[in-house]
């Protein structure tokens, strides 16, 4: 398995295949991912530990352990941990391409483009 640290937390690749990619993602307290979208993949997020705020196309909603979010390609999205404990979710990517360079960032707390 491959693990990568990010400014907001970390992710671990659990499965990388031609047909999908599966990650376990941890968002540290007080952190959030960039507000972004993808051209070549859709994602399904399942919260497996904790509670988080998720923005989909500008609408902010609280999700908790066991909740699932479906994010079609092109949909703007972000997850934010506004709690005092790490949030963990599993991300399943489907589509034609799963590279990290298929991230279009609209806004980012860490000045990444």
N, C-alpha and C. Protein backbone atom coordinates (compact mmCIF):
# COMPACT_ATOMS: atom_id res chain seq x y z
N UNK A 1 0.83 -1.18 0.00
CA UNK A 1 0.00 0.00 0.00
C UNK A 1 0.88 1.25 0.00
N UNK A 2 0.37 2.28 -0.61
CA UNK A 2 1.09 3.53 -0.78
C UNK A 2 0.42 4.60 0.08
N UNK A 3 1.18 5.31 0.90
CA UNK A 3 0.66 6.37 1.75
C UNK A 3 1.34 7.69 1.37
N UNK A 4 0.55 8.76 1.35
CA UNK A 4 1.10 10.08 1.04
C UNK A 4 0.56 11.11 2.03
N UNK A 5 1.47 11.88 2.61
CA UNK A 5 1.09 12.97 3.50
C UNK A 5 0.70 14.19 2.67
N UNK A 6 -0.28 14.91 3.14
CA UNK A 6 -0.72 16.16 2.54
C UNK A 6 -0.84 17.21 3.63
N UNK A 7 -0.95 18.50 3.30
CA UNK A 7 -1.05 19.51 4.35
C UNK A 7 -2.29 19.34 5.24
N UNK A 8 -3.35 18.76 4.70
CA UNK A 8 -4.62 18.59 5.42
C UNK A 8 -4.73 17.25 6.13
N UNK A 9 -3.80 16.32 5.87
CA UNK A 9 -3.90 14.98 6.44
C UNK A 9 -3.08 13.99 5.64
N UNK A 10 -3.70 12.87 5.27
CA UNK A 10 -2.99 11.85 4.51
C UNK A 10 -3.97 10.96 3.76
N UNK A 11 -3.44 10.24 2.73
CA UNK A 11 -4.26 9.21 2.09
C UNK A 11 -3.42 7.98 1.86
N UNK A 12 -4.11 6.86 1.79
CA UNK A 12 -3.48 5.57 1.55
C UNK A 12 -4.22 4.90 0.40
N UNK A 13 -3.48 4.52 -0.64
CA UNK A 13 -4.09 3.78 -1.75
C UNK A 13 -4.31 2.34 -1.31
N UNK A 14 -5.55 1.90 -1.35
CA UNK A 14 -5.90 0.53 -0.97
C UNK A 14 -6.00 -0.38 -2.19
N UNK A 15 -6.40 0.19 -3.32
CA UNK A 15 -6.55 -0.57 -4.56
C UNK A 15 -6.34 0.37 -5.73
N UNK A 16 -5.54 -0.05 -6.69
CA UNK A 16 -5.35 0.72 -7.92
C UNK A 16 -5.45 -0.25 -9.08
N UNK A 17 -6.53 -0.13 -9.86
CA UNK A 17 -6.79 -1.04 -10.97
C UNK A 17 -7.20 -0.24 -12.19
N UNK A 18 -7.34 -0.90 -13.32
CA UNK A 18 -7.79 -0.22 -14.54
C UNK A 18 -9.19 0.37 -14.39
N UNK A 19 -10.02 -0.27 -13.61
CA UNK A 19 -11.44 0.06 -13.52
C UNK A 19 -11.80 0.95 -12.32
N UNK A 20 -10.89 1.09 -11.32
CA UNK A 20 -11.18 1.95 -10.18
C UNK A 20 -9.92 2.17 -9.35
N UNK A 21 -10.04 3.12 -8.42
CA UNK A 21 -9.00 3.37 -7.43
C UNK A 21 -9.71 3.57 -6.10
N UNK A 22 -9.15 2.99 -5.03
CA UNK A 22 -9.76 3.08 -3.70
C UNK A 22 -8.73 3.64 -2.73
N UNK A 23 -9.13 4.67 -1.99
CA UNK A 23 -8.24 5.31 -1.01
C UNK A 23 -8.91 5.36 0.35
N UNK A 24 -8.09 5.29 1.39
CA UNK A 24 -8.53 5.64 2.74
C UNK A 24 -7.92 7.01 3.02
N UNK A 25 -8.76 8.00 3.32
CA UNK A 25 -8.31 9.38 3.49
C UNK A 25 -8.60 9.84 4.91
N UNK A 26 -7.59 10.45 5.53
CA UNK A 26 -7.72 11.01 6.87
C UNK A 26 -7.56 12.52 6.79
N UNK A 27 -8.54 13.24 7.34
CA UNK A 27 -8.49 14.70 7.39
C UNK A 27 -8.30 15.09 8.85
N UNK A 28 -7.21 15.80 9.12
CA UNK A 28 -6.88 16.20 10.48
C UNK A 28 -7.84 17.27 10.99
N UNK A 29 -7.99 17.37 12.32
CA UNK A 29 -8.87 18.39 12.90
C UNK A 29 -8.52 19.80 12.41
N UNK A 30 -9.55 20.56 12.06
CA UNK A 30 -9.36 21.93 11.62
C UNK A 30 -8.87 22.08 10.19
N UNK A 31 -8.79 20.99 9.44
CA UNK A 31 -8.26 21.04 8.07
C UNK A 31 -9.36 20.73 7.06
N UNK A 32 -9.08 21.07 5.80
CA UNK A 32 -10.01 20.75 4.72
C UNK A 32 -9.24 20.60 3.41
N UNK A 33 -9.81 19.83 2.52
CA UNK A 33 -9.24 19.67 1.19
C UNK A 33 -9.61 20.87 0.35
N UNK A 34 -9.00 20.99 -0.82
CA UNK A 34 -9.34 22.09 -1.72
C UNK A 34 -10.76 21.90 -2.24
N UNK A 35 -11.38 23.01 -2.62
CA UNK A 35 -12.67 22.97 -3.32
C UNK A 35 -12.30 22.69 -4.77
N UNK A 36 -12.79 21.57 -5.31
CA UNK A 36 -12.25 21.05 -6.57
C UNK A 36 -13.28 20.26 -7.36
N UNK A 37 -12.89 19.88 -8.56
CA UNK A 37 -13.66 18.93 -9.37
C UNK A 37 -12.70 18.17 -10.26
N UNK A 38 -13.25 17.15 -10.94
CA UNK A 38 -12.45 16.29 -11.81
C UNK A 38 -13.16 16.14 -13.16
N UNK A 39 -12.39 16.09 -14.22
CA UNK A 39 -12.95 15.87 -15.56
C UNK A 39 -13.17 14.39 -15.86
N UNK A 40 -12.27 13.53 -15.40
CA UNK A 40 -12.21 12.16 -15.89
C UNK A 40 -12.65 11.10 -14.90
N UNK A 41 -13.13 11.50 -13.73
CA UNK A 41 -13.55 10.49 -12.75
C UNK A 41 -14.69 11.01 -11.88
N UNK A 42 -15.47 10.08 -11.39
CA UNK A 42 -16.46 10.35 -10.35
C UNK A 42 -15.95 9.69 -9.08
N UNK A 43 -16.51 10.10 -7.95
CA UNK A 43 -16.08 9.55 -6.67
C UNK A 43 -17.28 9.22 -5.80
N UNK A 44 -17.10 8.21 -4.96
CA UNK A 44 -18.07 7.88 -3.92
C UNK A 44 -17.30 7.91 -2.60
N UNK A 45 -17.76 8.72 -1.67
CA UNK A 45 -17.12 8.84 -0.36
C UNK A 45 -18.02 8.19 0.69
N UNK A 46 -17.43 7.36 1.55
CA UNK A 46 -18.14 6.80 2.70
C UNK A 46 -17.38 7.19 3.96
N UNK A 47 -18.04 7.91 4.85
CA UNK A 47 -17.42 8.30 6.11
C UNK A 47 -17.36 7.05 7.00
N UNK A 48 -16.16 6.69 7.42
CA UNK A 48 -16.00 5.49 8.26
C UNK A 48 -15.63 5.83 9.70
N UNK A 49 -15.22 7.08 9.95
CA UNK A 49 -14.91 7.50 11.32
C UNK A 49 -15.07 9.01 11.44
N UNK A 50 -15.92 9.43 12.35
CA UNK A 50 -16.06 10.85 12.62
C UNK A 50 -17.22 11.51 11.91
N UNK A 51 -17.13 12.83 11.85
CA UNK A 51 -18.16 13.68 11.27
C UNK A 51 -17.47 14.81 10.53
N UNK A 52 -18.02 15.19 9.36
CA UNK A 52 -17.38 16.22 8.55
C UNK A 52 -18.42 17.06 7.83
N UNK A 53 -18.00 18.25 7.43
CA UNK A 53 -18.81 19.10 6.57
C UNK A 53 -18.36 18.85 5.14
N UNK A 54 -19.32 18.60 4.25
CA UNK A 54 -19.01 18.37 2.84
C UNK A 54 -19.78 19.39 2.02
N UNK A 55 -19.04 20.05 1.14
CA UNK A 55 -19.64 21.02 0.22
C UNK A 55 -19.76 20.37 -1.15
N UNK A 56 -20.98 20.38 -1.71
CA UNK A 56 -21.25 19.90 -3.07
C UNK A 56 -21.94 21.03 -3.82
N UNK A 57 -21.26 21.54 -4.84
CA UNK A 57 -21.81 22.64 -5.66
C UNK A 57 -22.29 23.79 -4.78
N UNK A 58 -21.49 24.15 -3.76
CA UNK A 58 -21.81 25.30 -2.93
C UNK A 58 -22.74 25.02 -1.76
N UNK A 59 -23.29 23.81 -1.66
CA UNK A 59 -24.21 23.47 -0.57
C UNK A 59 -23.44 22.68 0.49
N UNK A 60 -23.45 23.19 1.72
CA UNK A 60 -22.70 22.60 2.83
C UNK A 60 -23.63 21.72 3.66
N UNK A 61 -23.21 20.46 3.90
CA UNK A 61 -24.02 19.49 4.65
C UNK A 61 -23.12 18.70 5.58
N UNK A 62 -23.62 18.37 6.76
CA UNK A 62 -22.88 17.54 7.71
C UNK A 62 -23.13 16.06 7.38
N UNK A 63 -22.05 15.28 7.36
CA UNK A 63 -22.11 13.84 7.17
C UNK A 63 -21.40 13.17 8.34
N UNK A 64 -21.87 11.98 8.73
CA UNK A 64 -21.30 11.27 9.87
C UNK A 64 -20.98 9.83 9.48
N UNK A 65 -20.38 9.11 10.41
CA UNK A 65 -19.99 7.72 10.18
C UNK A 65 -21.15 6.94 9.56
N UNK A 66 -20.86 6.25 8.45
CA UNK A 66 -21.85 5.44 7.75
C UNK A 66 -22.52 6.14 6.58
N UNK A 67 -22.40 7.45 6.50
CA UNK A 67 -23.01 8.20 5.39
C UNK A 67 -22.16 8.08 4.13
N UNK A 68 -22.82 8.11 2.98
CA UNK A 68 -22.17 7.99 1.69
C UNK A 68 -22.54 9.19 0.82
N UNK A 69 -21.56 9.68 0.07
CA UNK A 69 -21.74 10.83 -0.81
C UNK A 69 -21.34 10.41 -2.22
N UNK A 70 -22.18 10.68 -3.20
CA UNK A 70 -21.88 10.38 -4.61
C UNK A 70 -21.52 11.70 -5.30
N UNK A 71 -20.34 11.71 -5.92
CA UNK A 71 -19.81 12.92 -6.54
C UNK A 71 -19.53 12.64 -8.02
N UNK A 72 -20.43 13.00 -8.92
CA UNK A 72 -20.20 12.78 -10.35
C UNK A 72 -19.04 13.62 -10.87
N UNK A 73 -18.44 13.18 -11.97
CA UNK A 73 -17.40 13.97 -12.63
C UNK A 73 -17.94 15.37 -12.91
N UNK A 74 -17.12 16.38 -12.65
CA UNK A 74 -17.51 17.76 -12.90
C UNK A 74 -18.18 18.45 -11.72
N UNK A 75 -18.59 17.70 -10.71
CA UNK A 75 -19.24 18.31 -9.54
C UNK A 75 -18.19 18.90 -8.60
N UNK A 76 -18.37 20.15 -8.21
CA UNK A 76 -17.45 20.80 -7.28
C UNK A 76 -17.70 20.25 -5.88
N UNK A 77 -16.59 19.93 -5.18
CA UNK A 77 -16.73 19.29 -3.87
C UNK A 77 -15.56 19.60 -2.95
N UNK A 78 -15.82 19.43 -1.65
CA UNK A 78 -14.80 19.64 -0.62
C UNK A 78 -15.27 18.94 0.66
N UNK A 79 -14.32 18.44 1.43
CA UNK A 79 -14.61 17.92 2.76
C UNK A 79 -13.80 18.72 3.76
N UNK A 80 -14.43 19.00 4.91
CA UNK A 80 -13.81 19.82 5.94
C UNK A 80 -14.02 19.16 7.30
N UNK A 81 -12.96 19.08 8.07
CA UNK A 81 -13.05 18.54 9.42
C UNK A 81 -13.08 19.70 10.41
N UNK A 82 -14.26 20.01 10.90
CA UNK A 82 -14.42 21.08 11.89
C UNK A 82 -14.52 20.53 13.31
N UNK A 83 -14.09 19.29 13.51
CA UNK A 83 -14.14 18.66 14.82
C UNK A 83 -12.75 18.59 15.44
N UNK A 84 -12.67 18.03 16.64
CA UNK A 84 -11.39 17.90 17.34
C UNK A 84 -10.72 16.55 17.12
N UNK A 85 -11.33 15.68 16.32
CA UNK A 85 -10.79 14.35 16.06
C UNK A 85 -10.62 14.14 14.56
N UNK A 86 -9.69 13.28 14.14
CA UNK A 86 -9.53 13.00 12.71
C UNK A 86 -10.82 12.42 12.11
N UNK A 87 -11.06 12.77 10.86
CA UNK A 87 -12.15 12.18 10.08
C UNK A 87 -11.52 11.24 9.07
N UNK A 88 -12.09 10.04 8.94
CA UNK A 88 -11.59 9.07 7.97
C UNK A 88 -12.73 8.70 7.03
N UNK A 89 -12.43 8.72 5.72
CA UNK A 89 -13.41 8.26 4.75
C UNK A 89 -12.73 7.42 3.68
N UNK A 90 -13.53 6.57 3.05
CA UNK A 90 -13.05 5.74 1.95
C UNK A 90 -13.58 6.36 0.67
N UNK A 91 -12.67 6.54 -0.28
CA UNK A 91 -13.02 7.14 -1.57
C UNK A 91 -12.86 6.07 -2.65
N UNK A 92 -13.92 5.84 -3.41
CA UNK A 92 -13.87 4.93 -4.56
C UNK A 92 -14.01 5.78 -5.81
N UNK A 93 -12.99 5.73 -6.66
CA UNK A 93 -12.99 6.50 -7.90
C UNK A 93 -13.35 5.58 -9.07
N UNK A 94 -14.24 6.08 -9.94
CA UNK A 94 -14.62 5.37 -11.17
C UNK A 94 -14.43 6.34 -12.33
N UNK A 95 -14.04 5.82 -13.48
CA UNK A 95 -13.90 6.67 -14.65
C UNK A 95 -12.82 6.18 -15.57
N UNK A 96 -12.28 7.11 -16.35
CA UNK A 96 -11.30 6.72 -17.36
C UNK A 96 -9.86 7.00 -16.95
N UNK A 97 -9.68 7.81 -15.85
CA UNK A 97 -8.33 8.19 -15.44
C UNK A 97 -8.36 8.57 -13.97
N UNK A 98 -7.34 8.12 -13.20
CA UNK A 98 -7.34 8.32 -11.76
C UNK A 98 -6.12 9.09 -11.24
N UNK A 99 -5.37 9.74 -12.11
CA UNK A 99 -4.18 10.47 -11.71
C UNK A 99 -4.49 11.70 -10.87
N UNK A 100 -3.54 12.06 -10.01
CA UNK A 100 -3.70 13.24 -9.15
C UNK A 100 -3.72 14.53 -9.97
N UNK A 101 -3.28 14.47 -11.22
CA UNK A 101 -3.30 15.68 -12.05
C UNK A 101 -4.68 15.96 -12.66
N UNK A 102 -5.69 15.12 -12.35
CA UNK A 102 -7.06 15.40 -12.77
C UNK A 102 -7.82 16.08 -11.61
N UNK A 103 -7.15 17.01 -10.98
CA UNK A 103 -7.77 17.82 -9.92
C UNK A 103 -7.75 19.27 -10.39
N UNK A 104 -8.93 19.86 -10.51
CA UNK A 104 -9.05 21.27 -10.84
C UNK A 104 -9.43 21.98 -9.55
N UNK A 105 -8.49 22.73 -8.99
CA UNK A 105 -8.73 23.41 -7.71
C UNK A 105 -9.36 24.78 -7.96
N UNK A 106 -10.47 25.02 -7.30
CA UNK A 106 -11.17 26.30 -7.38
C UNK A 106 -10.64 27.22 -6.28
N UNK A 107 -10.48 26.66 -5.09
CA UNK A 107 -9.84 27.39 -3.98
C UNK A 107 -9.10 26.38 -3.11
N UNK A 108 -8.02 26.86 -2.48
CA UNK A 108 -7.16 25.96 -1.71
C UNK A 108 -6.51 26.73 -0.57
N UNK A 109 -6.61 26.20 0.64
CA UNK A 109 -6.02 26.85 1.81
C UNK A 109 -4.50 26.82 1.82
N UNK A 110 -3.90 26.00 0.97
CA UNK A 110 -2.45 25.78 0.98
C UNK A 110 -1.77 26.31 -0.27
N UNK A 111 -2.48 27.16 -1.04
CA UNK A 111 -1.94 27.81 -2.24
C UNK A 111 -1.42 26.84 -3.29
N UNK A 112 -2.08 25.68 -3.41
CA UNK A 112 -1.73 24.76 -4.48
C UNK A 112 -2.58 25.10 -5.69
N UNK A 113 -2.03 24.91 -6.89
CA UNK A 113 -2.80 25.21 -8.11
C UNK A 113 -3.33 23.94 -8.72
